[in-house]
Amino acid sequence: MRFITDRKRAQGLGSARAGTHHHWHMMISSAVLVVLVPLFVFTFGLGLGRSHEGVLAYFARPFPAIVTALTLIAVTLHCKNEAVEAIVDYVHGTAAKLLIVAVTALSYALIVAGLFALVKLAL
């Protein structure tokens, strides 16, 4: 017969003490995206149908370039955080660590590439 307390039986199965932080981070980024995505769709829509020179002139203005950059950063980081959370929930061990590093590297590479393309477009 084993005399194990309820605490000892549940050890390692409880809270990781990070759920609230992640929840608030995702709520804040979601609220930011509620504002940025419609603003981006509106500003991007105004640039559609123009000639190449017209698009270059449009994105050379600060407002469309800033809205596009902020949307790119916010969407990519929001998706990265969700992907990391899914990896933490469903993958364990070394594979989880490698996937988290890969997802983080890919997301920052996408941000850098997108901002580089935006700067090339705007300048």
PDB file of N, CA and C in Angstrom:
ATOM      1  N   MET A   1       0.839  -1.168   0.000  1.00  0.00           N
ATOM      2  CA  MET A   1       0.000   0.000   0.000  1.00  0.00           C
ATOM      3  C   MET A   1       0.893   1.244   0.000  1.00  0.00           C
ATOM      4  N   ARG A   2       0.547   2.196  -0.840  1.00  0.00           N
ATOM      5  CA  ARG A   2       1.326   3.432  -0.937  1.00  0.00           C
ATOM      6  C   ARG A   2       0.565   4.538  -0.249  1.00  0.00           C
ATOM      7  N   PHE A   3       1.275   5.267   0.575  1.00  0.00           N
ATOM      8  CA  PHE A   3       0.678   6.409   1.250  1.00  0.00           C
ATOM      9  C   PHE A   3       1.178   7.682   0.574  1.00  0.00           C
ATOM     10  N   ILE A   4       0.449   8.114  -0.446  1.00  0.00           N
ATOM     11  CA  ILE A   4       0.813   9.308  -1.194  1.00  0.00           C
ATOM     12  C   ILE A   4      -0.271  10.350  -0.976  1.00  0.00           C
ATOM     13  N   THR A   5       0.174  11.535  -0.623  1.00  0.00           N
ATOM     14  CA  THR A   5      -0.788  12.612  -0.419  1.00  0.00           C
ATOM     15  C   THR A   5      -1.297  13.101  -1.779  1.00  0.00           C
ATOM     16  N   ASP A   6      -2.413  13.828  -1.735  1.00  0.00           N
ATOM     17  CA  ASP A   6      -2.978  14.388  -2.964  1.00  0.00           C
ATOM     18  C   ASP A   6      -1.998  15.352  -3.623  1.00  0.00           C
ATOM     19  N   ARG A   7      -1.280  16.098  -2.794  1.00  0.00           N
ATOM     20  CA  ARG A   7      -0.306  17.043  -3.350  1.00  0.00           C
ATOM     21  C   ARG A   7       0.799  16.305  -4.089  1.00  0.00           C
ATOM     22  N   LYS A   8       1.297  15.244  -3.500  1.00  0.00           N
ATOM     23  CA  LYS A   8       2.382  14.488  -4.130  1.00  0.00           C
ATOM     24  C   LYS A   8       1.897  13.821  -5.423  1.00  0.00           C
ATOM     25  N   ARG A   9       0.652  13.365  -5.450  1.00  0.00           N
ATOM     26  CA  ARG A   9       0.094  12.723  -6.624  1.00  0.00           C
ATOM     27  C   ARG A   9      -0.085  13.726  -7.767  1.00  0.00           C
ATOM     28  N   ALA A  10      -0.393  14.970  -7.441  1.00  0.00           N
ATOM     29  CA  ALA A  10      -0.652  15.983  -8.459  1.00  0.00           C
ATOM     30  C   ALA A  10       0.580  16.798  -8.820  1.00  0.00           C
ATOM     31  N   GLN A  11       1.691  16.533  -8.151  1.00  0.00           N
ATOM     32  CA  GLN A  11       2.893  17.327  -8.403  1.00  0.00           C
ATOM     33  C   GLN A  11       3.335  17.168  -9.861  1.00  0.00           C
ATOM     34  N   GLY A  12       3.611  18.295 -10.491  1.00  0.00           N
ATOM     35  CA  GLY A  12       4.012  18.270 -11.892  1.00  0.00           C
ATOM     36  C   GLY A  12       2.844  18.347 -12.853  1.00  0.00           C
ATOM     37  N   LEU A  13       1.637  18.311 -12.339  1.00  0.00           N
ATOM     38  CA  LEU A  13       0.469  18.358 -13.205  1.00  0.00           C
ATOM     39  C   LEU A  13      -0.316  19.655 -13.051  1.00  0.00           C
ATOM     40  N   GLY A  14       0.144  20.535 -12.195  1.00  0.00           N
ATOM     41  CA  GLY A  14      -0.609  21.746 -11.910  1.00  0.00           C
ATOM     42  C   GLY A  14      -0.210  22.910 -12.790  1.00  0.00           C
ATOM     43  N   SER A  15      -0.490  24.080 -12.272  1.00  0.00           N
ATOM     44  CA  SER A  15      -0.244  25.315 -12.993  1.00  0.00           C
ATOM     45  C   SER A  15       1.245  25.542 -13.196  1.00  0.00           C
ATOM     46  N   ALA A  16       1.579  26.087 -14.368  1.00  0.00           N
ATOM     47  CA  ALA A  16       2.963  26.427 -14.655  1.00  0.00           C
ATOM     48  C   ALA A  16       3.250  27.873 -14.284  1.00  0.00           C
ATOM     49  N   ARG A  17       2.265  28.567 -13.756  1.00  0.00           N
ATOM     50  CA  ARG A  17       2.379  29.948 -13.312  1.00  0.00           C
ATOM     51  C   ARG A  17       2.664  30.933 -14.443  1.00  0.00           C
ATOM     52  N   ALA A  18       2.341  30.594 -15.675  1.00  0.00           N
ATOM     53  CA  ALA A  18       2.595  31.489 -16.798  1.00  0.00           C
ATOM     54  C   ALA A  18       1.330  31.766 -17.611  1.00  0.00           C
ATOM     55  N   GLY A  19       0.234  31.150 -17.264  1.00  0.00           N
ATOM     56  CA  GLY A  19      -0.982  31.288 -18.054  1.00  0.00           C
ATOM     57  C   GLY A  19      -1.568  32.689 -18.047  1.00  0.00           C
ATOM     58  N   THR A  20      -1.559  33.342 -16.890  1.00  0.00           N
ATOM     59  CA  THR A  20      -2.130  34.682 -16.798  1.00  0.00           C
ATOM     60  C   THR A  20      -1.321  35.678 -17.609  1.00  0.00           C
ATOM     61  N   HIS A  21       0.000  35.575 -17.525  1.00  0.00           N
ATOM     62  CA  HIS A  21       0.868  36.473 -18.292  1.00  0.00           C
ATOM     63  C   HIS A  21       0.622  36.296 -19.790  1.00  0.00           C
ATOM     64  N   HIS A  22       0.576  35.053 -20.237  1.00  0.00           N
ATOM     65  CA  HIS A  22       0.333  34.783 -21.653  1.00  0.00           C
ATOM     66  C   HIS A  22      -1.051  35.288 -22.065  1.00  0.00           C
ATOM     67  N   HIS A  23      -2.046  35.058 -21.224  1.00  0.00           N
ATOM     68  CA  HIS A  23      -3.407  35.492 -21.540  1.00  0.00           C
ATOM     69  C   HIS A  23      -3.467  37.002 -21.716  1.00  0.00           C
ATOM     70  N   TRP A  24      -2.884  37.755 -20.791  1.00  0.00           N
ATOM     71  CA  TRP A  24      -2.923  39.214 -20.898  1.00  0.00           C
ATOM     72  C   TRP A  24      -2.128  39.712 -22.085  1.00  0.00           C
ATOM     73  N   HIS A  25      -1.008  39.068 -22.366  1.00  0.00           N
ATOM     74  CA  HIS A  25      -0.214  39.455 -23.531  1.00  0.00           C
ATOM     75  C   HIS A  25      -1.028  39.265 -24.810  1.00  0.00           C
ATOM     76  N   MET A  26      -1.725  38.153 -24.906  1.00  0.00           N
ATOM     77  CA  MET A  26      -2.526  37.887 -26.099  1.00  0.00           C
ATOM     78  C   MET A  26      -3.750  38.808 -26.164  1.00  0.00           C
ATOM     79  N   MET A  27      -4.323  39.154 -25.031  1.00  0.00           N
ATOM     80  CA  MET A  27      -5.459  40.076 -25.026  1.00  0.00           C
ATOM     81  C   MET A  27      -5.033  41.468 -25.495  1.00  0.00           C
ATOM     82  N   ILE A  28      -3.874  41.911 -25.059  1.00  0.00           N
ATOM     83  CA  ILE A  28      -3.389  43.230 -25.465  1.00  0.00           C
ATOM     84  C   ILE A  28      -3.053  43.235 -26.954  1.00  0.00           C
ATOM     85  N   SER A  29      -2.354  42.195 -27.417  1.00  0.00           N
ATOM     86  CA  SER A  29      -2.018  42.165 -28.849  1.00  0.00           C
ATOM     87  C   SER A  29      -3.279  42.008 -29.702  1.00  0.00           C
ATOM     88  N   SER A  30      -4.279  41.300 -29.209  1.00  0.00           N
ATOM     89  CA  SER A  30      -5.546  41.190 -29.942  1.00  0.00           C
ATOM     90  C   SER A  30      -6.253  42.535 -30.020  1.00  0.00           C
ATOM     91  N   ALA A  31      -6.230  43.293 -28.932  1.00  0.00           N
ATOM     92  CA  ALA A  31      -6.855  44.617 -28.944  1.00  0.00           C
ATOM     93  C   ALA A  31      -6.131  45.552 -29.909  1.00  0.00           C
ATOM     94  N   VAL A  32      -4.816  45.460 -29.950  1.00  0.00           N
ATOM     95  CA  VAL A  32      -4.048  46.265 -30.896  1.00  0.00           C
ATOM     96  C   VAL A  32      -4.400  45.871 -32.329  1.00  0.00           C
ATOM     97  N   LEU A  33      -4.543  44.572 -32.570  1.00  0.00           N
ATOM     98  CA  LEU A  33      -4.874  44.096 -33.917  1.00  0.00           C
ATOM     99  C   LEU A  33      -6.295  44.469 -34.329  1.00  0.00           C
ATOM    100  N   VAL A  34      -7.206  44.599 -33.366  1.00  0.00           N
ATOM    101  CA  VAL A  34      -8.570  45.023 -33.694  1.00  0.00           C
ATOM    102  C   VAL A  34      -8.549  46.415 -34.310  1.00  0.00           C
ATOM    103  N   VAL A  35      -7.619  47.245 -33.875  1.00  0.00           N
ATOM    104  CA  VAL A  35      -7.493  48.585 -34.431  1.00  0.00           C
ATOM    105  C   VAL A  35      -6.655  48.572 -35.712  1.00  0.00           C
ATOM    106  N   LEU A  36      -5.534  47.861 -35.686  1.00  0.00           N
ATOM    107  CA  LEU A  36      -4.584  47.923 -36.799  1.00  0.00           C
ATOM    108  C   LEU A  36      -5.064  47.232 -38.075  1.00  0.00           C
ATOM    109  N   VAL A  37      -5.707  46.085 -37.963  1.00  0.00           N
ATOM    110  CA  VAL A  37      -6.081  45.330 -39.166  1.00  0.00           C
ATOM    111  C   VAL A  37      -7.084  46.094 -40.035  1.00  0.00           C
ATOM    112  N   PRO A  38      -8.180  46.639 -39.489  1.00  0.00           N
ATOM    113  CA  PRO A  38      -9.058  47.432 -40.367  1.00  0.00           C
ATOM    114  C   PRO A  38      -8.360  48.677 -40.929  1.00  0.00           C
ATOM    115  N   LEU A  39      -7.515  49.300 -40.119  1.00  0.00           N
ATOM    116  CA  LEU A  39      -6.765  50.457 -40.594  1.00  0.00           C
ATOM    117  C   LEU A  39      -5.824  50.063 -41.730  1.00  0.00           C
ATOM    118  N   PHE A  40      -5.171  48.897 -41.589  1.00  0.00           N
ATOM    119  CA  PHE A  40      -4.294  48.401 -42.642  1.00  0.00           C
ATOM    120  C   PHE A  40      -5.079  48.072 -43.905  1.00  0.00           C
ATOM    121  N   VAL A  41      -6.220  47.409 -43.754  1.00  0.00           N
ATOM    122  CA  VAL A  41      -7.035  47.057 -44.922  1.00  0.00           C
ATOM    123  C   VAL A  41      -7.476  48.324 -45.649  1.00  0.00           C
ATOM    124  N   PHE A  42      -7.861  49.342 -44.910  1.00  0.00           N
ATOM    125  CA  PHE A  42      -8.273  50.604 -45.523  1.00  0.00           C
ATOM    126  C   PHE A  42      -7.096  51.269 -46.243  1.00  0.00           C
ATOM    127  N   THR A  43      -5.945  51.376 -45.578  1.00  0.00           N
ATOM    128  CA  THR A  43      -4.803  52.049 -46.208  1.00  0.00           C
ATOM    129  C   THR A  43      -4.247  51.237 -47.370  1.00  0.00           C
ATOM    130  N   PHE A  44      -4.230  49.919 -47.242  1.00  0.00           N
ATOM    131  CA  PHE A  44      -3.752  49.076 -48.334  1.00  0.00           C
ATOM    132  C   PHE A  44      -4.709  49.136 -49.517  1.00  0.00           C
ATOM    133  N   GLY A  45      -5.992  49.187 -49.223  1.00  0.00           N
ATOM    134  CA  GLY A  45      -6.995  49.276 -50.282  1.00  0.00           C
ATOM    135  C   GLY A  45      -6.883  50.555 -51.091  1.00  0.00           C
ATOM    136  N   LEU A  46      -6.480  51.634 -50.437  1.00  0.00           N
ATOM    137  CA  LEU A  46      -6.298  52.889 -51.161  1.00  0.00           C
ATOM    138  C   LEU A  46      -5.113  52.821 -52.133  1.00  0.00           C
ATOM    139  N   GLY A  47      -4.186  51.922 -51.881  1.00  0.00           N
ATOM    140  CA  GLY A  47      -3.029  51.782 -52.766  1.00  0.00           C
ATOM    141  C   GLY A  47      -3.258  50.816 -53.915  1.00  0.00           C
ATOM    142  N   LEU A  48      -4.332  50.046 -53.856  1.00  0.00           N
ATOM    143  CA  LEU A  48      -4.605  49.071 -54.922  1.00  0.00           C
ATOM    144  C   LEU A  48      -5.025  49.769 -56.207  1.00  0.00           C
ATOM    145  N   GLY A  49      -4.657  49.193 -57.325  1.00  0.00           N
ATOM    146  CA  GLY A  49      -5.080  49.697 -58.618  1.00  0.00           C
ATOM    147  C   GLY A  49      -4.232  50.828 -59.153  1.00  0.00           C
ATOM    148  N   ARG A  50      -3.228  51.211 -58.419  1.00  0.00           N
ATOM    149  CA  ARG A  50      -2.356  52.281 -58.893  1.00  0.00           C
ATOM    150  C   ARG A  50      -1.228  51.699 -59.725  1.00  0.00           C
ATOM    151  N   SER A  51      -0.587  52.558 -60.463  1.00  0.00           N
ATOM    152  CA  SER A  51       0.590  52.128 -61.224  1.00  0.00           C
ATOM    153  C   SER A  51       1.745  51.899 -60.251  1.00  0.00           C
ATOM    154  N   HIS A  52       2.823  51.357 -60.774  1.00  0.00           N
ATOM    155  CA  HIS A  52       3.996  51.088 -59.941  1.00  0.00           C
ATOM    156  C   HIS A  52       4.508  52.371 -59.296  1.00  0.00           C
ATOM    157  N   GLU A  53       4.575  53.424 -60.055  1.00  0.00           N
ATOM    158  CA  GLU A  53       5.045  54.704 -59.529  1.00  0.00           C
ATOM    159  C   GLU A  53       4.062  55.259 -58.495  1.00  0.00           C
ATOM    160  N   GLY A  54       2.775  55.039 -58.732  1.00  0.00           N
ATOM    161  CA  GLY A  54       1.759  55.486 -57.782  1.00  0.00           C
ATOM    162  C   GLY A  54       1.861  54.757 -56.447  1.00  0.00           C
ATOM    163  N   VAL A  55       2.123  53.458 -56.503  1.00  0.00           N
ATOM    164  CA  VAL A  55       2.285  52.677 -55.272  1.00  0.00           C
ATOM    165  C   VAL A  55       3.538  53.122 -54.532  1.00  0.00           C
ATOM    166  N   LEU A  56       4.625  53.354 -55.269  1.00  0.00           N
ATOM    167  CA  LEU A  56       5.855  53.835 -54.634  1.00  0.00           C
ATOM    168  C   LEU A  56       5.624  55.182 -53.959  1.00  0.00           C
ATOM    169  N   ALA A  57       4.910  56.073 -54.639  1.00  0.00           N
ATOM    170  CA  ALA A  57       4.622  57.387 -54.060  1.00  0.00           C
ATOM    171  C   ALA A  57       3.688  57.263 -52.851  1.00  0.00           C
ATOM    172  N   TYR A  58       2.725  56.336 -52.930  1.00  0.00           N
ATOM    173  CA  TYR A  58       1.774  56.156 -51.834  1.00  0.00           C
ATOM    174  C   TYR A  58       2.482  55.656 -50.576  1.00  0.00           C
ATOM    175  N   PHE A  59       3.328  54.636 -50.708  1.00  0.00           N
ATOM    176  CA  PHE A  59       4.019  54.084 -49.548  1.00  0.00           C
ATOM    177  C   PHE A  59       5.216  54.924 -49.119  1.00  0.00           C
ATOM    178  N   ALA A  60       5.583  55.928 -49.892  1.00  0.00           N
ATOM    179  CA  ALA A  60       6.622  56.864 -49.462  1.00  0.00           C
ATOM    180  C   ALA A  60       6.067  57.844 -48.427  1.00  0.00           C
ATOM    181  N   ARG A  61       4.736  57.961 -48.362  1.00  0.00           N
ATOM    182  CA  ARG A  61       4.116  58.794 -47.339  1.00  0.00           C
ATOM    183  C   ARG A  61       4.218  58.082 -45.996  1.00  0.00           C
ATOM    184  N   PRO A  62       4.351  58.825 -44.900  1.00  0.00           N
ATOM    185  CA  PRO A  62       4.586  58.182 -43.602  1.00  0.00           C
ATOM    186  C   PRO A  62       3.421  57.343 -43.080  1.00  0.00           C
ATOM    187  N   PHE A  63       2.192  57.813 -43.216  1.00  0.00           N
ATOM    188  CA  PHE A  63       1.067  57.105 -42.601  1.00  0.00           C
ATOM    189  C   PHE A  63       0.884  55.680 -43.135  1.00  0.00           C
ATOM    190  N   PRO A  64       0.814  55.460 -44.457  1.00  0.00           N
ATOM    191  CA  PRO A  64       0.662  54.081 -44.928  1.00  0.00           C
ATOM    192  C   PRO A  64       1.849  53.191 -44.569  1.00  0.00           C
ATOM    193  N   ALA A  65       3.049  53.752 -44.595  1.00  0.00           N
ATOM    194  CA  ALA A  65       4.234  52.957 -44.261  1.00  0.00           C
ATOM    195  C   ALA A  65       4.234  52.567 -42.789  1.00  0.00           C
ATOM    196  N   ILE A  66       3.874  53.491 -41.925  1.00  0.00           N
ATOM    197  CA  ILE A  66       3.858  53.194 -40.484  1.00  0.00           C
ATOM    198  C   ILE A  66       2.760  52.195 -40.148  1.00  0.00           C
ATOM    199  N   VAL A  67       1.579  52.374 -40.714  1.00  0.00           N
ATOM    200  CA  VAL A  67       0.479  51.431 -40.458  1.00  0.00           C
ATOM    201  C   VAL A  67       0.859  50.033 -40.951  1.00  0.00           C
ATOM    202  N   THR A  68       1.469  49.941 -42.113  1.00  0.00           N
ATOM    203  CA  THR A  68       1.892  48.645 -42.648  1.00  0.00           C
ATOM    204  C   THR A  68       2.952  48.008 -41.764  1.00  0.00           C
ATOM    205  N   ALA A  69       3.926  48.781 -41.318  1.00  0.00           N
ATOM    206  CA  ALA A  69       4.989  48.243 -40.461  1.00  0.00           C
ATOM    207  C   ALA A  69       4.434  47.777 -39.121  1.00  0.00           C
ATOM    208  N   LEU A  70       3.583  48.572 -38.501  1.00  0.00           N
ATOM    209  CA  LEU A  70       3.007  48.180 -37.213  1.00  0.00           C
ATOM    210  C   LEU A  70       2.138  46.931 -37.339  1.00  0.00           C
ATOM    211  N   THR A  71       1.366  46.853 -38.414  1.00  0.00           N
ATOM    212  CA  THR A  71       0.531  45.669 -38.626  1.00  0.00           C
ATOM    213  C   THR A  71       1.389  44.435 -38.852  1.00  0.00           C
ATOM    214  N   LEU A  72       2.429  44.567 -39.641  1.00  0.00           N
ATOM    215  CA  LEU A  72       3.340  43.440 -39.886  1.00  0.00           C
ATOM    216  C   LEU A  72       3.940  42.935 -38.582  1.00  0.00           C
ATOM    217  N   ILE A  73       4.427  43.837 -37.764  1.00  0.00           N
ATOM    218  CA  ILE A  73       5.057  43.449 -36.501  1.00  0.00           C
ATOM    219  C   ILE A  73       4.039  42.826 -35.553  1.00  0.00           C
ATOM    220  N   ALA A  74       2.889  43.456 -35.388  1.00  0.00           N
ATOM    221  CA  ALA A  74       1.887  42.965 -34.440  1.00  0.00           C
ATOM    222  C   ALA A  74       1.330  41.602 -34.848  1.00  0.00           C
ATOM    223  N   VAL A  75       1.018  41.430 -36.125  1.00  0.00           N
ATOM    224  CA  VAL A  75       0.463  40.150 -36.589  1.00  0.00           C
ATOM    225  C   VAL A  75       1.498  39.038 -36.455  1.00  0.00           C
ATOM    226  N   THR A  76       2.726  39.314 -36.830  1.00  0.00           N
ATOM    227  CA  THR A  76       3.760  38.280 -36.769  1.00  0.00           C
ATOM    228  C   THR A  76       4.048  37.868 -35.329  1.00  0.00           C
ATOM    229  N   LEU A  77       4.177  38.828 -34.425  1.00  0.00           N
ATOM    230  CA  LEU A  77       4.437  38.486 -33.031  1.00  0.00           C
ATOM    231  C   LEU A  77       3.248  37.779 -32.381  1.00  0.00           C
ATOM    232  N   HIS A  78       2.030  38.177 -32.732  1.00  0.00           N
ATOM    233  CA  HIS A  78       0.839  37.505 -32.216  1.00  0.00           C
ATOM    234  C   HIS A  78       0.809  36.038 -32.671  1.00  0.00           C
ATOM    235  N   CYS A  79       1.082  35.811 -33.938  1.00  0.00           N
ATOM    236  CA  CYS A  79       1.101  34.439 -34.462  1.00  0.00           C
ATOM    237  C   CYS A  79       2.245  33.628 -33.851  1.00  0.00           C
ATOM    238  N   LYS A  80       3.396  34.271 -33.642  1.00  0.00           N
ATOM    239  CA  LYS A  80       4.531  33.579 -33.019  1.00  0.00           C
ATOM    240  C   LYS A  80       4.171  33.137 -31.608  1.00  0.00           C
ATOM    241  N   ASN A  81       3.558  34.016 -30.843  1.00  0.00           N
ATOM    242  CA  ASN A  81       3.194  33.663 -29.473  1.00  0.00           C
ATOM    243  C   ASN A  81       2.174  32.531 -29.424  1.00  0.00           C
ATOM    244  N   GLU A  82       1.231  32.529 -30.344  1.00  0.00           N
ATOM    245  CA  GLU A  82       0.267  31.422 -30.404  1.00  0.00           C
ATOM    246  C   GLU A  82       0.939  30.113 -30.801  1.00  0.00           C
ATOM    247  N   ALA A  83       1.861  30.174 -31.753  1.00  0.00           N
ATOM    248  CA  ALA A  83       2.563  28.966 -32.174  1.00  0.00           C
ATOM    249  C   ALA A  83       3.425  28.421 -31.039  1.00  0.00           C
ATOM    250  N   VAL A  84       4.097  29.299 -30.316  1.00  0.00           N
ATOM    251  CA  VAL A  84       4.915  28.866 -29.181  1.00  0.00           C
ATOM    252  C   VAL A  84       4.035  28.228 -28.110  1.00  0.00           C
ATOM    253  N   GLU A  85       2.880  28.798 -27.862  1.00  0.00           N
ATOM    254  CA  GLU A  85       1.973  28.227 -26.869  1.00  0.00           C
ATOM    255  C   GLU A  85       1.485  26.838 -27.293  1.00  0.00           C
ATOM    256  N   ALA A  86       1.198  26.664 -28.566  1.00  0.00           N
ATOM    257  CA  ALA A  86       0.787  25.339 -29.056  1.00  0.00           C
ATOM    258  C   ALA A  86       1.925  24.338 -28.926  1.00  0.00           C
ATOM    259  N   ILE A  87       3.152  24.787 -29.204  1.00  0.00           N
ATOM    260  CA  ILE A  87       4.307  23.897 -29.062  1.00  0.00           C
ATOM    261  C   ILE A  87       4.494  23.499 -27.601  1.00  0.00           C
ATOM    262  N   VAL A  88       4.378  24.461 -26.694  1.00  0.00           N
ATOM    263  CA  VAL A  88       4.534  24.168 -25.271  1.00  0.00           C
ATOM    264  C   VAL A  88       3.470  23.181 -24.809  1.00  0.00           C
ATOM    265  N   ASP A  89       2.260  23.306 -25.330  1.00  0.00           N
ATOM    266  CA  ASP A  89       1.172  22.425 -24.910  1.00  0.00           C
ATOM    267  C   ASP A  89       1.298  21.007 -25.462  1.00  0.00           C
ATOM    268  N   TYR A  90       1.792  20.855 -26.684  1.00  0.00           N
ATOM    269  CA  TYR A  90       1.692  19.558 -27.338  1.00  0.00           C
ATOM    270  C   TYR A  90       3.016  18.869 -27.653  1.00  0.00           C
ATOM    271  N   VAL A  91       4.132  19.562 -27.547  1.00  0.00           N
ATOM    272  CA  VAL A  91       5.428  18.952 -27.830  1.00  0.00           C
ATOM    273  C   VAL A  91       6.280  19.086 -26.577  1.00  0.00           C
ATOM    274  N   HIS A  92       7.067  18.057 -26.278  1.00  0.00           N
ATOM    275  CA  HIS A  92       7.855  18.065 -25.048  1.00  0.00           C
ATOM    276  C   HIS A  92       9.305  17.698 -25.349  1.00  0.00           C
ATOM    277  N   GLY A  93      10.182  18.061 -24.435  1.00  0.00           N
ATOM    278  CA  GLY A  93      11.583  17.676 -24.532  1.00  0.00           C
ATOM    279  C   GLY A  93      12.382  18.572 -25.465  1.00  0.00           C
ATOM    280  N   THR A  94      13.395  17.970 -26.043  1.00  0.00           N
ATOM    281  CA  THR A  94      14.299  18.693 -26.927  1.00  0.00           C
ATOM    282  C   THR A  94      13.586  19.184 -28.184  1.00  0.00           C
ATOM    283  N   ALA A  95      12.659  18.407 -28.682  1.00  0.00           N
ATOM    284  CA  ALA A  95      11.923  18.807 -29.885  1.00  0.00           C
ATOM    285  C   ALA A  95      11.170  20.111 -29.641  1.00  0.00           C
ATOM    286  N   ALA A  96      10.620  20.271 -28.452  1.00  0.00           N
ATOM    287  CA  ALA A  96       9.893  21.503 -28.131  1.00  0.00           C
ATOM    288  C   ALA A  96      10.834  22.701 -28.143  1.00  0.00           C
ATOM    289  N   LYS A  97      12.000  22.528 -27.543  1.00  0.00           N
ATOM    290  CA  LYS A  97      12.960  23.639 -27.504  1.00  0.00           C
ATOM    291  C   LYS A  97      13.425  24.010 -28.906  1.00  0.00           C
ATOM    292  N   LEU A  98      13.689  23.013 -29.725  1.00  0.00           N
ATOM    293  CA  LEU A  98      14.130  23.290 -31.092  1.00  0.00           C
ATOM    294  C   LEU A  98      13.024  23.954 -31.912  1.00  0.00           C
ATOM    295  N   LEU A  99      11.795  23.506 -31.735  1.00  0.00           N
ATOM    296  CA  LEU A  99      10.684  24.119 -32.467  1.00  0.00           C
ATOM    297  C   LEU A  99      10.432  25.560 -32.017  1.00  0.00           C
ATOM    298  N   ILE A 100      10.570  25.816 -30.735  1.00  0.00           N
ATOM    299  CA  ILE A 100      10.389  27.181 -30.241  1.00  0.00           C
ATOM    300  C   ILE A 100      11.464  28.095 -30.823  1.00  0.00           C
ATOM    301  N   VAL A 101      12.697  27.627 -30.857  1.00  0.00           N
ATOM    302  CA  VAL A 101      13.778  28.422 -31.450  1.00  0.00           C
ATOM    303  C   VAL A 101      13.511  28.647 -32.934  1.00  0.00           C
ATOM    304  N   ALA A 102      13.064  27.608 -33.638  1.00  0.00           N
ATOM    305  CA  ALA A 102      12.801  27.725 -35.071  1.00  0.00           C
ATOM    306  C   ALA A 102      11.654  28.695 -35.354  1.00  0.00           C
ATOM    307  N   VAL A 103      10.581  28.600 -34.586  1.00  0.00           N
ATOM    308  CA  VAL A 103       9.433  29.496 -34.785  1.00  0.00           C
ATOM    309  C   VAL A 103       9.822  30.935 -34.480  1.00  0.00           C
ATOM    310  N   THR A 104      10.582  31.129 -33.416  1.00  0.00           N
ATOM    311  CA  THR A 104      11.012  32.481 -33.057  1.00  0.00           C
ATOM    312  C   THR A 104      11.929  33.063 -34.131  1.00  0.00           C
ATOM    313  N   ALA A 105      12.882  32.267 -34.602  1.00  0.00           N
ATOM    314  CA  ALA A 105      13.791  32.733 -35.653  1.00  0.00           C
ATOM    315  C   ALA A 105      13.032  33.046 -36.936  1.00  0.00           C
ATOM    316  N   LEU A 106      12.102  32.186 -37.304  1.00  0.00           N
ATOM    317  CA  LEU A 106      11.312  32.413 -38.513  1.00  0.00           C
ATOM    318  C   LEU A 106      10.472  33.685 -38.398  1.00  0.00           C
ATOM    319  N   SER A 107       9.872  33.903 -37.238  1.00  0.00           N
ATOM    320  CA  SER A 107       9.024  35.095 -37.088  1.00  0.00           C
ATOM    321  C   SER A 107       9.851  36.371 -37.163  1.00  0.00           C
ATOM    322  N   TYR A 108      11.000  36.395 -36.518  1.00  0.00           N
ATOM    323  CA  TYR A 108      11.832  37.599 -36.592  1.00  0.00           C
ATOM    324  C   TYR A 108      12.435  37.773 -37.985  1.00  0.00           C
ATOM    325  N   ALA A 109      12.727  36.684 -38.663  1.00  0.00           N
ATOM    326  CA  ALA A 109      13.204  36.789 -40.048  1.00  0.00           C
ATOM    327  C   ALA A 109      12.114  37.365 -40.950  1.00  0.00           C
ATOM    328  N   LEU A 110      10.855  36.958 -40.728  1.00  0.00           N
ATOM    329  CA  LEU A 110       9.743  37.523 -41.498  1.00  0.00           C
ATOM    330  C   LEU A 110       9.569  39.010 -41.227  1.00  0.00           C
ATOM    331  N   ILE A 111       9.721  39.403 -39.971  1.00  0.00           N
ATOM    332  CA  ILE A 111       9.604  40.825 -39.637  1.00  0.00           C
ATOM    333  C   ILE A 111      10.708  41.620 -40.323  1.00  0.00           C
ATOM    334  N   VAL A 112      11.939  41.125 -40.238  1.00  0.00           N
ATOM    335  CA  VAL A 112      13.064  41.834 -40.859  1.00  0.00           C
ATOM    336  C   VAL A 112      12.889  41.916 -42.373  1.00  0.00           C
ATOM    337  N   ALA A 113      12.486  40.811 -42.990  1.00  0.00           N
ATOM    338  CA  ALA A 113      12.292  40.811 -44.446  1.00  0.00           C
ATOM    339  C   ALA A 113      11.157  41.746 -44.852  1.00  0.00           C
ATOM    340  N   GLY A 114      10.069  41.739 -44.090  1.00  0.00           N
ATOM    341  CA  GLY A 114       8.948  42.623 -44.400  1.00  0.00           C
ATOM    342  C   GLY A 114       9.298  44.088 -44.228  1.00  0.00           C
ATOM    343  N   LEU A 115      10.008  44.408 -43.165  1.00  0.00           N
ATOM    344  CA  LEU A 115      10.410  45.805 -42.964  1.00  0.00           C
ATOM    345  C   LEU A 115      11.433  46.244 -43.987  1.00  0.00           C
ATOM    346  N   PHE A 116      12.319  45.336 -44.376  1.00  0.00           N
ATOM    347  CA  PHE A 116      13.292  45.661 -45.433  1.00  0.00           C
ATOM    348  C   PHE A 116      12.565  45.944 -46.744  1.00  0.00           C
ATOM    349  N   ALA A 117      11.583  45.111 -47.081  1.00  0.00           N
ATOM    350  CA  ALA A 117      10.811  45.335 -48.316  1.00  0.00           C
ATOM    351  C   ALA A 117      10.028  46.646 -48.243  1.00  0.00           C
ATOM    352  N   LEU A 118       9.491  46.962 -47.077  1.00  0.00           N
ATOM    353  CA  LEU A 118       8.751  48.202 -46.916  1.00  0.00           C
ATOM    354  C   LEU A 118       9.674  49.421 -47.054  1.00  0.00           C
ATOM    355  N   VAL A 119      10.849  49.325 -46.482  1.00  0.00           N
ATOM    356  CA  VAL A 119      11.814  50.434 -46.604  1.00  0.00           C
ATOM    357  C   VAL A 119      12.254  50.602 -48.051  1.00  0.00           C
ATOM    358  N   LYS A 120      12.506  49.485 -48.727  1.00  0.00           N
ATOM    359  CA  LYS A 120      12.873  49.570 -50.151  1.00  0.00           C
ATOM    360  C   LYS A 120      11.723  50.184 -50.968  1.00  0.00           C
ATOM    361  N   LEU A 121      10.508  49.855 -50.611  1.00  0.00           N
ATOM    362  CA  LEU A 121       9.344  50.389 -51.309  1.00  0.00           C
ATOM    363  C   LEU A 121       9.163  51.884 -51.010  1.00  0.00           C
ATOM    364  N   ALA A 122       9.375  52.256 -49.757  1.00  0.00           N
ATOM    365  CA  ALA A 122       9.132  53.638 -49.350  1.00  0.00           C
ATOM    366  C   ALA A 122      10.245  54.590 -49.771  1.00  0.00           C
ATOM    367  N   LEU A 123      11.452  54.070 -49.918  1.00  0.00           N
ATOM    368  CA  LEU A 123      12.559  54.970 -50.268  1.00  0.00           C
ATOM    369  C   LEU A 123      12.825  54.850 -51.709  1.00  0.00           C
TER     370      LEU A 123
END
